[in-house]
Every structure is written in C-alpha cells, then in structure tokens.
Amino acid sequence: MKVLLANPRGFCAGVRRAVEIVNKALEIYGSPLYVKHEIVHNKFVVEQLKEKGVIFVDKVEDVPEGKVVVFSAHGSAPEEYEKAKERNLTVVDATCPLVTKVHLEARRYTREGYNIILIGYKGHIEVLGTAAEGKGNVYMIETEEEAKEIKFDDGKKLAYLTQTTLSVEETKNIIAILKKRFPEITEPSSSDICFSTTNRQMAVKEIAEKSQVVLVVGSKNSSNSNRLREVAESVGADAYLIDGADEIEESWLSGVETVGVTAGASAPDILIRGVVDFLKDVGASELEEVVSVEEKIRFPLPKIG
C-alpha cells in the first residue's frame, strides 16, 4: 500500500497564530486563562490547552470580572467586546486576520447603506460574528435554493460576503445565482475564502484523484475539515474524517492500493504523524509527499501584556 501525503495540510497561519497567542498569554498572565469559545476547532488542541490551565467558556459573562480573556480565531461580535469592557476584562484578540478582513468589509458595507448577503453555515461561530457587524442588515444563506429565493426591494444596494472556511466549489454556484438575479451586487475586492482553505482543497483533490481512500485528520466541528472530506469524495475517493489514528477502521483499507492523507487547518502535525505511523504498521511500504503549493505566510502576533 502506498500513502500520498498532501502538502499543504494541517495548521494554517491563522490557527498557528491563535495557538501561539494562547501559549504566550499563559506565559505572561499565568493560569487560569479564559478563552471564549474553542480557540480552534480541534479536540486534541483544546484538551492540550486545558491541561496547561486554559478554561474555555461560551460567553463573556462566564469570565470572572477583572480577568484575562482570549477571543478565539473565529471572530467575535462587537457586543462581545463591549461586554468584556463592562466586566473590566483584559482582552487578547486571536481573531484570524482573514476573518477580520470580512468583519471590516461588513462594517464598511453597513456604513455605506448596503444590505449584505452572507454565504455560510448559519450556526457557525464565524458567521454569527460577521453577521453581528451588519446591525440587522445581514441576510444569511447556505444553499443555491436560498440564493434563488431571497428577495429585496428594487433599488436596494446589495453586497455579498462569504464564510472563510467554505470551499470554492460550494460557493461558486451560489455566487453565480446572486450575480444573475442581482446584476448590480457588490462583491469583495478579493475572495473571502482564505488562501489556506483553498490550498488545502486543491491539495486534497490532487491526492484523492490518485487514491481509493482519503483520510482527513480533523474534528467533526471543523468546517474546513468537513470540506476537505467532501472535496475528496467529489472526485470519487472514499473519504473519512477522523480525529486521529485510533478512529481508523482497518476494513476501510481492505484491498486498497493507495491511501491519501491530509489534515484540516486546525489539526496539529502530531496527529498526522500518528496516522502515517498507523498506516505503516498495517502494511504501507511507500510514502510520497505531494506538494501542490508552498505556503510561506505567517501572521505576526498582536501585542500581549
């Protein structure tokens, strides 16, 4: 059995930055350190940080007054910052710069009187934060059907934005429908889908075209990891989303000549190595890294302390 290892895979620049921010905040402020929402959507990363003294909370109100709170990489609504100020909290902001870009676009469109169509998963934490920037002028859609049905009065100024962790494939038809229905709709100056998401989707497609099975390392609540599984399936591979090697079923590999391995943007390298080691233990004799594009971008840390 041959293993094709996608490159790029695993931690993206935004996730790496967010994890580094939490670790730096622990050094400076000590534990317990409060983090609003999971810093990134990966069970292993979250459990590791809990062991270091991080306490994850769902609401700013759950942080004791006067303490330090880190806002997660997914972005937070403006009112969350106001609540933190009211509680005299020190906020360390780990929002991914690419999510911040979308927030700034939402604020600008709102100031300029646009109604904003936001393409994304309605319950996702990133989408909720972006929508809150629109002050009631954001309309969320997920599907082509919703793009066909959404209505606005004539003369309304319209713009669209997208969740950063969607796939290019799943948004292109929705965007095409919006442009056909609303020819004057304003689009972002550059795509909102982050380069890391796009790069990982290109990479998994390349290995999936040569594999019978693709293993995607990532947690079930990771949007970009789910998209990688879907992309692999779209080109004919059997694809499985796993948190780590212990979730692999050997029956998946029965009769398989080539298996692809990739990882979502929130999955650390240690989990990927564990999957590769498992495959070697069950008979993989050849490992090839397939480089689709080189990623060299790193985001600087904010001032902490």
C-alpha atoms as a PDB file:
ATOM      1  CA  MET A   1       0.000   0.000   0.000  1.00  0.00           C
ATOM      2  CA  LYS A   2       1.171   3.469  -0.936  1.00  0.00           C
ATOM      3  CA  VAL A   3       0.496   6.629   1.117  1.00  0.00           C
ATOM      4  CA  LEU A   4       0.122  10.018  -0.561  1.00  0.00           C
ATOM      5  CA  LEU A   5       0.613  12.846   1.924  1.00  0.00           C
ATOM      6  CA  ALA A   6      -0.937  16.167   0.896  1.00  0.00           C
ATOM      7  CA  ASN A   7       1.062  19.374   1.164  1.00  0.00           C
ATOM      8  CA  PRO A   8      -0.152  21.826   2.363  1.00  0.00           C
ATOM      9  CA  ARG A   9      -2.010  20.172   5.219  1.00  0.00           C
ATOM     10  CA  GLY A  10      -2.661  20.820   8.898  1.00  0.00           C
ATOM     11  CA  PHE A  11      -2.143  24.087  10.765  1.00  0.00           C
ATOM     12  CA  CYS A  12      -2.747  27.222   8.723  1.00  0.00           C
ATOM     13  CA  ALA A  13      -1.205  30.612   9.520  1.00  0.00           C
ATOM     14  CA  GLY A  14      -4.300  31.790  11.417  1.00  0.00           C
ATOM     15  CA  VAL A  15      -4.539  28.691  13.595  1.00  0.00           C
ATOM     16  CA  ARG A  16      -0.801  28.671  14.319  1.00  0.00           C
ATOM     17  CA  ARG A  17      -1.062  32.326  15.344  1.00  0.00           C
ATOM     18  CA  ALA A  18      -4.077  31.681  17.595  1.00  0.00           C
ATOM     19  CA  VAL A  19      -2.405  28.801  19.427  1.00  0.00           C
ATOM     20  CA  GLU A  20       0.792  30.822  19.833  1.00  0.00           C
ATOM     21  CA  ILE A  21      -1.262  33.704  21.255  1.00  0.00           C
ATOM     22  CA  VAL A  22      -2.812  31.464  23.911  1.00  0.00           C
ATOM     23  CA  ASN A  23       0.555  29.999  24.879  1.00  0.00           C
ATOM     24  CA  LYS A  24       2.097  33.488  25.062  1.00  0.00           C
ATOM     25  CA  ALA A  25      -0.803  34.714  27.201  1.00  0.00           C
ATOM     26  CA  LEU A  26      -0.262  31.768  29.544  1.00  0.00           C
ATOM     27  CA  GLU A  27       3.399  32.759  29.907  1.00  0.00           C
ATOM     28  CA  ILE A  28       2.535  36.367  30.683  1.00  0.00           C
ATOM     29  CA  TYR A  29      -0.650  36.077  32.752  1.00  0.00           C
ATOM     30  CA  GLY A  30      -0.420  32.516  34.094  1.00  0.00           C
ATOM     31  CA  SER A  31      -3.377  30.216  34.673  1.00  0.00           C
ATOM     32  CA  PRO A  32      -6.257  30.032  34.804  1.00  0.00           C
ATOM     33  CA  LEU A  33      -6.569  31.735  31.439  1.00  0.00           C
ATOM     34  CA  TYR A  34     -10.030  32.107  29.949  1.00  0.00           C
ATOM     35  CA  VAL A  35     -10.735  31.586  26.240  1.00  0.00           C
ATOM     36  CA  LYS A  36     -14.090  32.458  24.707  1.00  0.00           C
ATOM     37  CA  HIS A  37     -15.161  29.558  22.516  1.00  0.00           C
ATOM     38  CA  GLU A  38     -12.713  26.853  21.433  1.00  0.00           C
ATOM     39  CA  ILE A  39      -9.601  28.682  20.283  1.00  0.00           C
ATOM     40  CA  VAL A  40      -9.653  26.472  17.167  1.00  0.00           C
ATOM     41  CA  HIS A  41     -11.929  23.590  16.248  1.00  0.00           C
ATOM     42  CA  ASN A  42      -9.722  20.658  17.181  1.00  0.00           C
ATOM     43  CA  LYS A  43     -10.342  18.375  20.144  1.00  0.00           C
ATOM     44  CA  PHE A  44      -6.665  17.479  20.661  1.00  0.00           C
ATOM     45  CA  VAL A  45      -5.514  21.116  20.687  1.00  0.00           C
ATOM     46  CA  VAL A  46      -8.299  22.098  23.091  1.00  0.00           C
ATOM     47  CA  GLU A  47      -7.509  19.261  25.517  1.00  0.00           C
ATOM     48  CA  GLN A  48      -3.788  20.115  25.468  1.00  0.00           C
ATOM     49  CA  LEU A  49      -4.527  23.712  26.385  1.00  0.00           C
ATOM     50  CA  LYS A  50      -6.917  22.658  29.146  1.00  0.00           C
ATOM     51  CA  GLU A  51      -4.052  20.696  30.688  1.00  0.00           C
ATOM     52  CA  LYS A  52      -1.998  23.913  30.745  1.00  0.00           C
ATOM     53  CA  GLY A  53      -4.691  25.779  32.665  1.00  0.00           C
ATOM     54  CA  VAL A  54      -6.948  27.185  29.955  1.00  0.00           C
ATOM     55  CA  ILE A  55     -10.649  27.398  30.758  1.00  0.00           C
ATOM     56  CA  PHE A  56     -12.927  27.544  27.718  1.00  0.00           C
ATOM     57  CA  VAL A  57     -16.189  29.453  28.106  1.00  0.00           C
ATOM     58  CA  ASP A  58     -19.140  30.025  25.803  1.00  0.00           C
ATOM     59  CA  LYS A  59     -19.982  33.535  26.991  1.00  0.00           C
ATOM     60  CA  VAL A  60     -18.044  36.580  28.154  1.00  0.00           C
ATOM     61  CA  GLU A  61     -20.313  36.595  31.210  1.00  0.00           C
ATOM     62  CA  ASP A  62     -18.702  33.302  32.282  1.00  0.00           C
ATOM     63  CA  VAL A  63     -15.330  35.027  32.790  1.00  0.00           C
ATOM     64  CA  PRO A  64     -14.816  36.431  36.326  1.00  0.00           C
ATOM     65  CA  GLU A  65     -14.599  40.219  36.413  1.00  0.00           C
ATOM     66  CA  GLY A  66     -11.138  41.690  36.008  1.00  0.00           C
ATOM     67  CA  LYS A  67      -9.615  38.555  34.454  1.00  0.00           C
ATOM     68  CA  VAL A  68      -7.928  37.942  31.096  1.00  0.00           C
ATOM     69  CA  VAL A  69      -9.905  36.502  28.181  1.00  0.00           C
ATOM     70  CA  VAL A  70      -8.695  35.391  24.765  1.00  0.00           C
ATOM     71  CA  PHE A  71     -11.175  35.725  21.909  1.00  0.00           C
ATOM     72  CA  SER A  72     -10.979  32.771  19.530  1.00  0.00           C
ATOM     73  CA  ALA A  73      -9.685  32.684  15.951  1.00  0.00           C
ATOM     74  CA  HIS A  74     -13.222  32.591  14.543  1.00  0.00           C
ATOM     75  CA  GLY A  75     -14.049  36.208  15.345  1.00  0.00           C
ATOM     76  CA  SER A  76     -16.486  37.739  17.815  1.00  0.00           C
ATOM     77  CA  ALA A  77     -19.443  40.079  17.593  1.00  0.00           C
ATOM     78  CA  PRO A  78     -18.902  43.765  18.522  1.00  0.00           C
ATOM     79  CA  GLU A  79     -21.130  43.421  21.580  1.00  0.00           C
ATOM     80  CA  GLU A  80     -18.764  40.768  22.975  1.00  0.00           C
ATOM     81  CA  TYR A  81     -16.012  43.377  23.173  1.00  0.00           C
ATOM     82  CA  GLU A  82     -18.424  45.773  24.871  1.00  0.00           C
ATOM     83  CA  LYS A  83     -19.383  43.140  27.443  1.00  0.00           C
ATOM     84  CA  ALA A  84     -15.707  42.467  28.135  1.00  0.00           C
ATOM     85  CA  LYS A  85     -15.117  46.175  28.691  1.00  0.00           C
ATOM     86  CA  GLU A  86     -18.067  46.372  31.091  1.00  0.00           C
ATOM     87  CA  ARG A  87     -16.617  43.457  33.090  1.00  0.00           C
ATOM     88  CA  ASN A  88     -13.167  45.092  33.178  1.00  0.00           C
ATOM     89  CA  LEU A  89     -11.626  42.174  31.312  1.00  0.00           C
ATOM     90  CA  THR A  90      -8.268  42.261  29.570  1.00  0.00           C
ATOM     91  CA  VAL A  91      -8.984  41.073  26.025  1.00  0.00           C
ATOM     92  CA  VAL A  92      -6.355  39.289  23.977  1.00  0.00           C
ATOM     93  CA  ASP A  93      -7.707  39.030  20.440  1.00  0.00           C
ATOM     94  CA  ALA A  94      -6.750  35.896  18.493  1.00  0.00           C
ATOM     95  CA  THR A  95      -9.152  36.508  15.609  1.00  0.00           C
ATOM     96  CA  CYS A  96      -7.647  35.285  12.337  1.00  0.00           C
ATOM     97  CA  PRO A  97      -6.629  38.300  10.214  1.00  0.00           C
ATOM     98  CA  LEU A  98      -8.581  36.847   7.288  1.00  0.00           C
ATOM     99  CA  VAL A  99     -11.751  36.750   9.398  1.00  0.00           C
ATOM    100  CA  THR A 100     -11.033  40.319  10.495  1.00  0.00           C
ATOM    101  CA  LYS A 101     -10.938  41.249   6.792  1.00  0.00           C
ATOM    102  CA  VAL A 102     -14.517  40.002   6.373  1.00  0.00           C
ATOM    103  CA  HIS A 103     -15.641  41.845   9.529  1.00  0.00           C
ATOM    104  CA  LEU A 104     -14.175  45.085   8.200  1.00  0.00           C
ATOM    105  CA  GLU A 105     -15.950  44.561   4.884  1.00  0.00           C
ATOM    106  CA  ALA A 106     -19.244  44.017   6.724  1.00  0.00           C
ATOM    107  CA  ARG A 107     -18.741  47.234   8.702  1.00  0.00           C
ATOM    108  CA  ARG A 108     -17.909  49.230   5.560  1.00  0.00           C
ATOM    109  CA  TYR A 109     -20.883  47.914   3.600  1.00  0.00           C
ATOM    110  CA  THR A 110     -23.139  48.672   6.567  1.00  0.00           C
ATOM    111  CA  ARG A 111     -21.840  52.244   6.823  1.00  0.00           C
ATOM    112  CA  GLU A 112     -22.474  52.695   3.109  1.00  0.00           C
ATOM    113  CA  GLY A 113     -26.076  51.530   3.371  1.00  0.00           C
ATOM    114  CA  TYR A 114     -25.828  48.079   1.809  1.00  0.00           C
ATOM    115  CA  ASN A 115     -27.885  45.010   2.613  1.00  0.00           C
ATOM    116  CA  ILE A 116     -25.394  42.157   2.965  1.00  0.00           C
ATOM    117  CA  ILE A 117     -25.966  38.590   1.809  1.00  0.00           C
ATOM    118  CA  LEU A 118     -23.666  36.377   3.891  1.00  0.00           C
ATOM    119  CA  ILE A 119     -22.951  32.940   2.434  1.00  0.00           C
ATOM    120  CA  GLY A 120     -22.138  30.455   5.178  1.00  0.00           C
ATOM    121  CA  TYR A 121     -23.390  27.972   7.748  1.00  0.00           C
ATOM    122  CA  LYS A 122     -25.921  29.794   9.870  1.00  0.00           C
ATOM    123  CA  GLY A 123     -24.931  28.317  13.229  1.00  0.00           C
ATOM    124  CA  HIS A 124     -21.173  28.586  12.720  1.00  0.00           C
ATOM    125  CA  ILE A 125     -19.382  30.832  15.197  1.00  0.00           C
ATOM    126  CA  GLU A 126     -17.534  32.748  12.456  1.00  0.00           C
ATOM    127  CA  VAL A 127     -20.753  33.513  10.588  1.00  0.00           C
ATOM    128  CA  LEU A 128     -22.503  34.702  13.742  1.00  0.00           C
ATOM    129  CA  GLY A 129     -19.678  37.134  14.463  1.00  0.00           C
ATOM    130  CA  THR A 130     -19.665  38.512  10.922  1.00  0.00           C
ATOM    131  CA  ALA A 131     -23.445  38.846  10.839  1.00  0.00           C
ATOM    132  CA  ALA A 132     -23.392  40.898  14.030  1.00  0.00           C
ATOM    133  CA  GLU A 133     -21.249  43.522  12.285  1.00  0.00           C
ATOM    134  CA  GLY A 134     -24.157  44.256   9.944  1.00  0.00           C
ATOM    135  CA  LYS A 135     -26.507  45.660  12.590  1.00  0.00           C
ATOM    136  CA  GLY A 136     -29.569  43.887  11.244  1.00  0.00           C
ATOM    137  CA  ASN A 137     -28.747  44.304   7.560  1.00  0.00           C
ATOM    138  CA  VAL A 138     -27.181  40.864   7.057  1.00  0.00           C
ATOM    139  CA  TYR A 139     -29.135  38.030   5.423  1.00  0.00           C
ATOM    140  CA  MET A 140     -27.582  34.581   5.751  1.00  0.00           C
ATOM    141  CA  ILE A 141     -27.915  31.900   3.090  1.00  0.00           C
ATOM    142  CA  GLU A 142     -26.429  28.408   2.820  1.00  0.00           C
ATOM    143  CA  THR A 143     -27.759  26.891  -0.390  1.00  0.00           C
ATOM    144  CA  GLU A 144     -28.430  27.548  -4.054  1.00  0.00           C
ATOM    145  CA  GLU A 145     -32.143  27.280  -3.315  1.00  0.00           C
ATOM    146  CA  GLU A 146     -31.912  30.084  -0.777  1.00  0.00           C
ATOM    147  CA  ALA A 147     -29.958  32.184  -3.296  1.00  0.00           C
ATOM    148  CA  LYS A 148     -32.823  31.705  -5.763  1.00  0.00           C
ATOM    149  CA  GLU A 149     -35.490  32.604  -3.206  1.00  0.00           C
ATOM    150  CA  ILE A 150     -34.045  35.575  -1.298  1.00  0.00           C
ATOM    151  CA  LYS A 151     -35.879  38.808  -2.122  1.00  0.00           C
ATOM    152  CA  PHE A 152     -35.092  42.524  -1.847  1.00  0.00           C
ATOM    153  CA  ASP A 153     -36.994  45.631  -2.821  1.00  0.00           C
ATOM    154  CA  ASP A 154     -35.952  47.279  -6.070  1.00  0.00           C
ATOM    155  CA  GLY A 155     -33.222  49.851  -5.668  1.00  0.00           C
ATOM    156  CA  LYS A 156     -31.669  48.262  -2.581  1.00  0.00           C
ATOM    157  CA  LYS A 157     -27.875  48.348  -2.518  1.00  0.00           C
ATOM    158  CA  LEU A 158     -26.622  44.754  -2.184  1.00  0.00           C
ATOM    159  CA  ALA A 159     -23.264  43.186  -1.386  1.00  0.00           C
ATOM    160  CA  TYR A 160     -22.231  39.632  -0.598  1.00  0.00           C
ATOM    161  CA  LEU A 161     -19.643  38.121   1.737  1.00  0.00           C
ATOM    162  CA  THR A 162     -18.676  34.511   2.451  1.00  0.00           C
ATOM    163  CA  GLN A 163     -17.532  32.434   5.393  1.00  0.00           C
ATOM    164  CA  THR A 164     -13.763  31.979   5.090  1.00  0.00           C
ATOM    165  CA  THR A 165     -13.737  28.184   5.504  1.00  0.00           C
ATOM    166  CA  LEU A 166     -16.158  27.231   2.728  1.00  0.00           C
ATOM    167  CA  SER A 167     -14.970  25.557  -0.451  1.00  0.00           C
ATOM    168  CA  VAL A 168     -14.677  27.451  -3.702  1.00  0.00           C
ATOM    169  CA  GLU A 169     -16.785  24.769  -5.383  1.00  0.00           C
ATOM    170  CA  GLU A 170     -19.722  25.059  -2.997  1.00  0.00           C
ATOM    171  CA  THR A 171     -19.862  28.857  -3.243  1.00  0.00           C
ATOM    172  CA  LYS A 172     -19.346  29.437  -6.957  1.00  0.00           C
ATOM    173  CA  ASN A 173     -22.864  28.401  -7.981  1.00  0.00           C
ATOM    174  CA  ILE A 174     -24.445  30.413  -5.174  1.00  0.00           C
ATOM    175  CA  ILE A 175     -22.463  33.490  -6.198  1.00  0.00           C
ATOM    176  CA  ALA A 176     -23.376  32.954  -9.869  1.00  0.00           C
ATOM    177  CA  ILE A 177     -27.070  32.843  -8.955  1.00  0.00           C
ATOM    178  CA  LEU A 178     -26.795  36.042  -6.913  1.00  0.00           C
ATOM    179  CA  LYS A 179     -24.985  37.851  -9.730  1.00  0.00           C
ATOM    180  CA  LYS A 180     -27.587  36.747 -12.268  1.00  0.00           C
ATOM    181  CA  ARG A 181     -30.506  37.794 -10.065  1.00  0.00           C
ATOM    182  CA  PHE A 182     -28.887  40.997  -8.820  1.00  0.00           C
ATOM    183  CA  PRO A 183     -26.525  42.248 -11.570  1.00  0.00           C
ATOM    184  CA  GLU A 184     -25.512  45.309  -9.525  1.00  0.00           C
ATOM    185  CA  ILE A 185     -24.492  43.310  -6.442  1.00  0.00           C
ATOM    186  CA  THR A 186     -21.140  44.376  -4.988  1.00  0.00           C
ATOM    187  CA  GLU A 187     -18.535  41.709  -4.325  1.00  0.00           C
ATOM    188  CA  PRO A 188     -15.458  41.770  -2.074  1.00  0.00           C
ATOM    189  CA  SER A 189     -12.298  43.201  -3.630  1.00  0.00           C
ATOM    190  CA  SER A 190     -10.761  39.757  -3.154  1.00  0.00           C
ATOM    191  CA  SER A 191     -12.249  36.385  -2.262  1.00  0.00           C
ATOM    192  CA  ASP A 192     -13.280  35.951   1.376  1.00  0.00           C
ATOM    193  CA  ILE A 193     -12.414  32.244   1.265  1.00  0.00           C
ATOM    194  CA  CYS A 194      -8.984  32.079   2.871  1.00  0.00           C
ATOM    195  CA  PHE A 195      -5.941  31.029   0.878  1.00  0.00           C
ATOM    196  CA  SER A 196      -5.203  28.196   3.314  1.00  0.00           C
ATOM    197  CA  THR A 197      -8.676  26.740   2.827  1.00  0.00           C
ATOM    198  CA  THR A 198      -8.309  26.922  -0.952  1.00  0.00           C
ATOM    199  CA  ASN A 199      -4.778  25.495  -0.897  1.00  0.00           C
ATOM    200  CA  ARG A 200      -5.788  22.516   1.233  1.00  0.00           C
ATOM    201  CA  GLN A 201      -8.755  21.796  -1.007  1.00  0.00           C
ATOM    202  CA  MET A 202      -6.501  21.870  -4.098  1.00  0.00           C
ATOM    203  CA  ALA A 203      -4.040  19.552  -2.376  1.00  0.00           C
ATOM    204  CA  VAL A 204      -6.630  17.010  -1.235  1.00  0.00           C
ATOM    205  CA  LYS A 205      -8.201  16.946  -4.690  1.00  0.00           C
ATOM    206  CA  GLU A 206      -4.804  16.143  -6.206  1.00  0.00           C
ATOM    207  CA  ILE A 207      -4.162  13.182  -3.918  1.00  0.00           C
ATOM    208  CA  ALA A 208      -7.799  11.987  -4.000  1.00  0.00           C
ATOM    209  CA  GLU A 209      -7.654  11.636  -7.781  1.00  0.00           C
ATOM    210  CA  LYS A 210      -4.898   9.038  -7.274  1.00  0.00           C
ATOM    211  CA  SER A 211      -6.279   7.307  -4.139  1.00  0.00           C
ATOM    212  CA  GLN A 212      -9.049   4.863  -3.360  1.00  0.00           C
ATOM    213  CA  VAL A 213      -9.313   6.116   0.226  1.00  0.00           C
ATOM    214  CA  VAL A 214      -8.534   9.518   1.769  1.00  0.00           C
ATOM    215  CA  LEU A 215      -8.136  10.054   5.499  1.00  0.00           C
ATOM    216  CA  VAL A 216      -8.773  13.637   6.646  1.00  0.00           C
ATOM    217  CA  VAL A 217      -7.437  14.419  10.114  1.00  0.00           C
ATOM    218  CA  GLY A 218      -9.707  16.917  11.806  1.00  0.00           C
ATOM    219  CA  SER A 219     -12.506  17.292  14.321  1.00  0.00           C
ATOM    220  CA  LYS A 220     -16.166  16.897  13.412  1.00  0.00           C
ATOM    221  CA  ASN A 221     -16.958  20.537  14.261  1.00  0.00           C
ATOM    222  CA  SER A 222     -14.214  21.841  11.957  1.00  0.00           C
ATOM    223  CA  SER A 223     -15.851  23.386   8.891  1.00  0.00           C
ATOM    224  CA  ASN A 224     -12.722  23.327   6.741  1.00  0.00           C
ATOM    225  CA  SER A 225     -12.005  19.677   7.643  1.00  0.00           C
ATOM    226  CA  ASN A 226     -15.506  18.666   6.592  1.00  0.00           C
ATOM    227  CA  ARG A 227     -14.993  20.480   3.302  1.00  0.00           C
ATOM    228  CA  LEU A 228     -11.774  18.508   2.680  1.00  0.00           C
ATOM    229  CA  ARG A 229     -13.681  15.252   3.117  1.00  0.00           C
ATOM    230  CA  GLU A 230     -16.368  16.468   0.700  1.00  0.00           C
ATOM    231  CA  VAL A 231     -13.789  17.534  -1.909  1.00  0.00           C
ATOM    232  CA  ALA A 232     -12.109  14.113  -1.731  1.00  0.00           C
ATOM    233  CA  GLU A 233     -15.459  12.388  -2.148  1.00  0.00           C
ATOM    234  CA  SER A 234     -16.366  14.638  -5.093  1.00  0.00           C
ATOM    235  CA  VAL A 235     -13.564  13.109  -7.196  1.00  0.00           C
ATOM    236  CA  GLY A 236     -14.518   9.532  -6.348  1.00  0.00           C
ATOM    237  CA  ALA A 237     -12.453   8.565  -3.297  1.00  0.00           C
ATOM    238  CA  ASP A 238     -13.893   7.072  -0.131  1.00  0.00           C
ATOM    239  CA  ALA A 239     -13.111   9.741   2.445  1.00  0.00           C
ATOM    240  CA  TYR A 240     -13.209   9.632   6.246  1.00  0.00           C
ATOM    241  CA  LEU A 241     -12.909  12.460   8.770  1.00  0.00           C
ATOM    242  CA  ILE A 242     -11.007  11.288  11.843  1.00  0.00           C
ATOM    243  CA  ASP A 243      -9.648  12.943  14.979  1.00  0.00           C
ATOM    244  CA  GLY A 244      -6.648  10.606  14.966  1.00  0.00           C
ATOM    245  CA  ALA A 245      -5.263   7.170  14.170  1.00  0.00           C
ATOM    246  CA  ASP A 246      -7.376   5.466  16.837  1.00  0.00           C
ATOM    247  CA  GLU A 247     -10.507   6.133  14.766  1.00  0.00           C
ATOM    248  CA  ILE A 248      -9.243   4.350  11.636  1.00  0.00           C
ATOM    249  CA  GLU A 249     -11.064   1.121  10.830  1.00  0.00           C
ATOM    250  CA  GLU A 250      -8.832  -1.407   9.075  1.00  0.00           C
ATOM    251  CA  SER A 251     -11.777  -2.513   6.950  1.00  0.00           C
ATOM    252  CA  TRP A 252     -11.560   0.852   5.155  1.00  0.00           C
ATOM    253  CA  LEU A 253      -8.151  -0.193   3.841  1.00  0.00           C
ATOM    254  CA  SER A 254      -9.036  -3.690   2.657  1.00  0.00           C
ATOM    255  CA  GLY A 255      -7.801  -4.138  -0.907  1.00  0.00           C
ATOM    256  CA  VAL A 256      -6.685  -0.506  -1.108  1.00  0.00           C
ATOM    257  CA  GLU A 257      -3.525   0.172  -3.110  1.00  0.00           C
ATOM    258  CA  THR A 258      -3.226   3.922  -2.454  1.00  0.00           C
ATOM    259  CA  VAL A 259      -4.460   5.928   0.523  1.00  0.00           C
ATOM    260  CA  GLY A 260      -4.297   9.708   0.736  1.00  0.00           C
ATOM    261  CA  VAL A 261      -3.720  11.595   3.986  1.00  0.00           C
ATOM    262  CA  THR A 262      -4.421  15.236   4.696  1.00  0.00           C
ATOM    263  CA  ALA A 263      -5.498  17.355   7.649  1.00  0.00           C
ATOM    264  CA  GLY A 264      -7.739  20.317   8.329  1.00  0.00           C
ATOM    265  CA  ALA A 265      -6.312  23.713   9.169  1.00  0.00           C
ATOM    266  CA  SER A 266      -6.824  23.134  12.915  1.00  0.00           C
ATOM    267  CA  ALA A 267      -5.111  19.725  13.114  1.00  0.00           C
ATOM    268  CA  PRO A 268      -1.572  19.589  14.575  1.00  0.00           C
ATOM    269  CA  ASP A 269       1.250  17.659  12.939  1.00  0.00           C
ATOM    270  CA  ILE A 270       1.477  15.127  15.773  1.00  0.00           C
ATOM    271  CA  LEU A 271      -1.923  13.702  14.777  1.00  0.00           C
ATOM    272  CA  ILE A 272      -0.899  13.439  11.117  1.00  0.00           C
ATOM    273  CA  ARG A 273       2.296  11.607  12.077  1.00  0.00           C
ATOM    274  CA  GLY A 274       0.209   9.207  14.154  1.00  0.00           C
ATOM    275  CA  VAL A 275      -1.962   8.365  11.142  1.00  0.00           C
ATOM    276  CA  VAL A 276       1.081   7.787   8.925  1.00  0.00           C
ATOM    277  CA  ASP A 277       2.653   5.535  11.586  1.00  0.00           C
ATOM    278  CA  PHE A 278      -0.582   3.531  11.815  1.00  0.00           C
ATOM    279  CA  LEU A 279      -0.620   3.019   8.052  1.00  0.00           C
ATOM    280  CA  LYS A 280       2.989   1.840   8.133  1.00  0.00           C
ATOM    281  CA  ASP A 281       2.106  -0.624  10.891  1.00  0.00           C
ATOM    282  CA  VAL A 282      -0.686  -2.133   8.784  1.00  0.00           C
ATOM    283  CA  GLY A 283       1.426  -2.559   5.673  1.00  0.00           C
ATOM    284  CA  ALA A 284       2.110   0.758   3.951  1.00  0.00           C
ATOM    285  CA  SER A 285       5.539   0.435   2.360  1.00  0.00           C
ATOM    286  CA  GLU A 286       5.786   3.641   0.336  1.00  0.00           C
ATOM    287  CA  LEU A 287       5.228   7.278   1.366  1.00  0.00           C
ATOM    288  CA  GLU A 288       5.104  10.152  -1.109  1.00  0.00           C
ATOM    289  CA  GLU A 289       4.524  13.796  -0.248  1.00  0.00           C
ATOM    290  CA  VAL A 290       2.551  15.566  -2.966  1.00  0.00           C
ATOM    291  CA  VAL A 291       3.292  19.303  -2.950  1.00  0.00           C
ATOM    292  CA  SER A 292       0.535  21.358  -4.582  1.00  0.00           C
ATOM    293  CA  VAL A 293       1.609  24.816  -3.446  1.00  0.00           C
ATOM    294  CA  GLU A 294       4.116  26.195  -0.948  1.00  0.00           C
ATOM    295  CA  GLU A 295       2.739  28.209   1.955  1.00  0.00           C
ATOM    296  CA  LYS A 296       5.158  30.741   3.426  1.00  0.00           C
ATOM    297  CA  ILE A 297       2.796  33.274   5.018  1.00  0.00           C
ATOM    298  CA  ARG A 298       2.929  33.780   8.779  1.00  0.00           C
ATOM    299  CA  PHE A 299       0.788  36.258  10.683  1.00  0.00           C
ATOM    300  CA  PRO A 300       2.529  38.328  13.393  1.00  0.00           C
ATOM    301  CA  LEU A 301       1.300  38.133  16.960  1.00  0.00           C
ATOM    302  CA  PRO A 302      -0.523  41.086  18.495  1.00  0.00           C
ATOM    303  CA  LYS A 303       0.999  42.934  21.425  1.00  0.00           C
ATOM    304  CA  ILE A 304       0.232  40.926  24.558  1.00  0.00           C
ATOM    305  CA  GLY A 305       0.683  42.306  28.059  1.00  0.00           C
END
